[in-house]
Amino acid sequence: MALKHVVTEIGMGTDIRGADPTKAAVRALRDALWHNSLTVAPALGLDTDSMQVEVTIGVPMPDKVDAAQVAAVLPHGTGTVNVVEGGLQIPNDAGTDSTLIAHAAAVVRLDLD
């Protein structure tokens, strides 16, 4: 099997109040995916579930992200989720809460042999 990189999608998500890194990560991946409709697999005579999607999430507190919830966002194919330190955390003036920003990259690969 020779997987070929055919699409890169990027997105950003936030949790405005609550500083939940999973919520921000899920929103980032949705942002990356929901702005398009990929037709590359069917155009090549492949099933959409043949896509292999490698998701990378950059977010503060990566150890607190539930990768299964992020992967559940993928509508087709098989996905892997890698969460790394990144994004942005903006504390409120009182220091009691913060806004989190997460970034997502989804790389779609297809077996084109």
Protein backbone atom coordinates (compact mmCIF):
# COMPACT_ATOMS: atom_id res chain seq x y z
CA MET A 1 0.00 0.00 0.00
CA ALA A 2 1.39 3.41 -1.00
CA LEU A 3 -0.51 6.12 0.82
CA LYS A 4 -0.36 9.47 -0.93
CA HIS A 5 -0.98 12.82 0.71
CA VAL A 6 -3.92 14.29 -1.22
CA VAL A 7 -5.42 17.00 1.01
CA THR A 8 -4.42 19.19 3.96
CA GLU A 9 -7.19 20.95 5.87
CA ILE A 10 -6.59 23.48 8.66
CA GLY A 11 -8.86 25.00 11.26
CA MET A 12 -9.11 26.90 14.52
CA GLY A 13 -11.42 26.37 17.47
CA THR A 14 -11.98 28.09 20.79
CA ASP A 15 -13.50 27.61 24.19
CA ILE A 16 -14.31 31.20 25.10
CA ARG A 17 -15.20 30.49 28.71
CA GLY A 18 -14.22 27.38 30.57
CA ALA A 19 -10.73 26.65 29.21
CA ASP A 20 -11.71 23.17 28.01
CA PRO A 21 -8.95 21.97 25.64
CA THR A 22 -11.07 19.10 24.28
CA LYS A 23 -13.91 21.46 23.37
CA ALA A 24 -11.47 23.80 21.59
CA ALA A 25 -9.80 20.85 19.80
CA VAL A 26 -13.13 19.43 18.58
CA ARG A 27 -14.15 22.85 17.30
CA ALA A 28 -10.81 23.27 15.52
CA LEU A 29 -11.20 19.98 13.66
CA ARG A 30 -14.82 20.78 12.77
CA ASP A 31 -13.64 24.12 11.40
CA ALA A 32 -11.04 22.35 9.28
CA LEU A 33 -13.50 19.81 7.88
CA TRP A 34 -16.77 21.67 7.55
CA HIS A 35 -15.59 24.22 5.00
CA ASN A 36 -15.35 21.73 2.17
CA SER A 37 -16.72 18.60 0.63
CA LEU A 38 -13.99 16.26 -0.48
CA THR A 39 -14.74 14.45 -3.71
CA VAL A 40 -11.21 13.23 -4.39
CA ALA A 41 -11.83 9.63 -3.23
CA PRO A 42 -14.97 9.08 -5.36
CA ALA A 43 -13.31 10.87 -8.28
CA LEU A 44 -10.59 8.23 -8.16
CA GLY A 45 -13.09 5.38 -7.87
CA LEU A 46 -12.44 4.91 -4.14
CA ASP A 47 -14.87 4.76 -1.24
CA THR A 48 -14.76 7.78 1.08
CA ASP A 49 -14.13 5.43 3.99
CA SER A 50 -10.82 4.45 2.37
CA MET A 51 -9.39 7.82 3.44
CA GLN A 52 -6.79 7.75 6.18
CA VAL A 53 -6.80 11.01 8.11
CA GLU A 54 -3.93 12.12 10.32
CA VAL A 55 -5.12 14.85 12.69
CA THR A 56 -2.69 17.04 14.60
CA ILE A 57 -4.09 19.35 17.27
CA GLY A 58 -2.05 22.16 18.82
CA VAL A 59 -3.57 23.29 22.11
CA PRO A 60 -2.51 24.42 25.59
CA MET A 61 -2.66 21.49 28.05
CA PRO A 62 -2.48 18.77 25.37
CA ASP A 63 -2.54 16.06 28.04
CA LYS A 64 -6.11 17.07 28.92
CA VAL A 65 -7.53 16.51 25.42
CA ASP A 66 -9.77 13.49 24.91
CA ALA A 67 -8.43 12.31 21.54
CA ALA A 68 -11.38 9.92 21.10
CA GLN A 69 -13.82 12.87 21.14
CA VAL A 70 -11.70 14.63 18.52
CA ALA A 71 -11.51 11.52 16.31
CA ALA A 72 -15.29 11.11 16.55
CA VAL A 73 -15.66 14.31 14.50
CA LEU A 74 -14.29 12.61 11.37
CA PRO A 75 -17.22 11.75 9.09
CA HIS A 76 -15.33 9.27 6.88
CA GLY A 77 -12.24 7.13 6.83
CA THR A 78 -9.89 6.01 9.54
CA GLY A 79 -8.38 8.66 11.75
CA THR A 80 -5.50 9.09 14.12
CA VAL A 81 -5.16 12.05 16.47
CA ASN A 82 -1.89 13.48 17.73
CA VAL A 83 -2.17 16.28 20.29
CA VAL A 84 0.79 18.61 20.80
CA GLU A 85 1.56 21.74 22.80
CA GLY A 86 0.36 24.79 20.89
CA GLY A 87 -2.55 27.13 20.49
CA LEU A 88 -3.06 29.97 22.90
CA GLN A 89 -4.46 30.53 26.39
CA ILE A 90 -5.73 34.00 27.30
CA PRO A 91 -6.53 34.47 31.01
CA ASN A 92 -9.31 36.82 32.07
CA ASP A 93 -8.49 39.91 34.15
CA ALA A 94 -9.53 38.25 37.42
CA GLY A 95 -7.36 35.20 36.72
CA THR A 96 -10.33 32.91 37.34
CA ASP A 97 -10.92 31.70 33.79
CA SER A 98 -9.38 31.79 30.34
CA THR A 99 -10.08 31.44 26.67
CA LEU A 100 -8.35 28.59 24.81
CA ILE A 101 -7.53 28.56 21.13
CA ALA A 102 -6.69 25.27 19.40
CA HIS A 103 -5.40 24.69 15.90
CA ALA A 104 -6.05 21.60 13.81
CA ALA A 105 -4.41 20.11 10.74
CA ALA A 106 -6.00 17.14 9.02
CA VAL A 107 -3.90 15.36 6.40
CA VAL A 108 -5.90 13.04 4.15
CA ARG A 109 -4.11 10.12 2.53
CA LEU A 110 -5.35 7.63 -0.05
CA ASP A 111 -3.86 4.40 -1.36
CA LEU A 112 -3.26 5.31 -4.99
CA ASP A 113 -1.43 2.17 -6.14
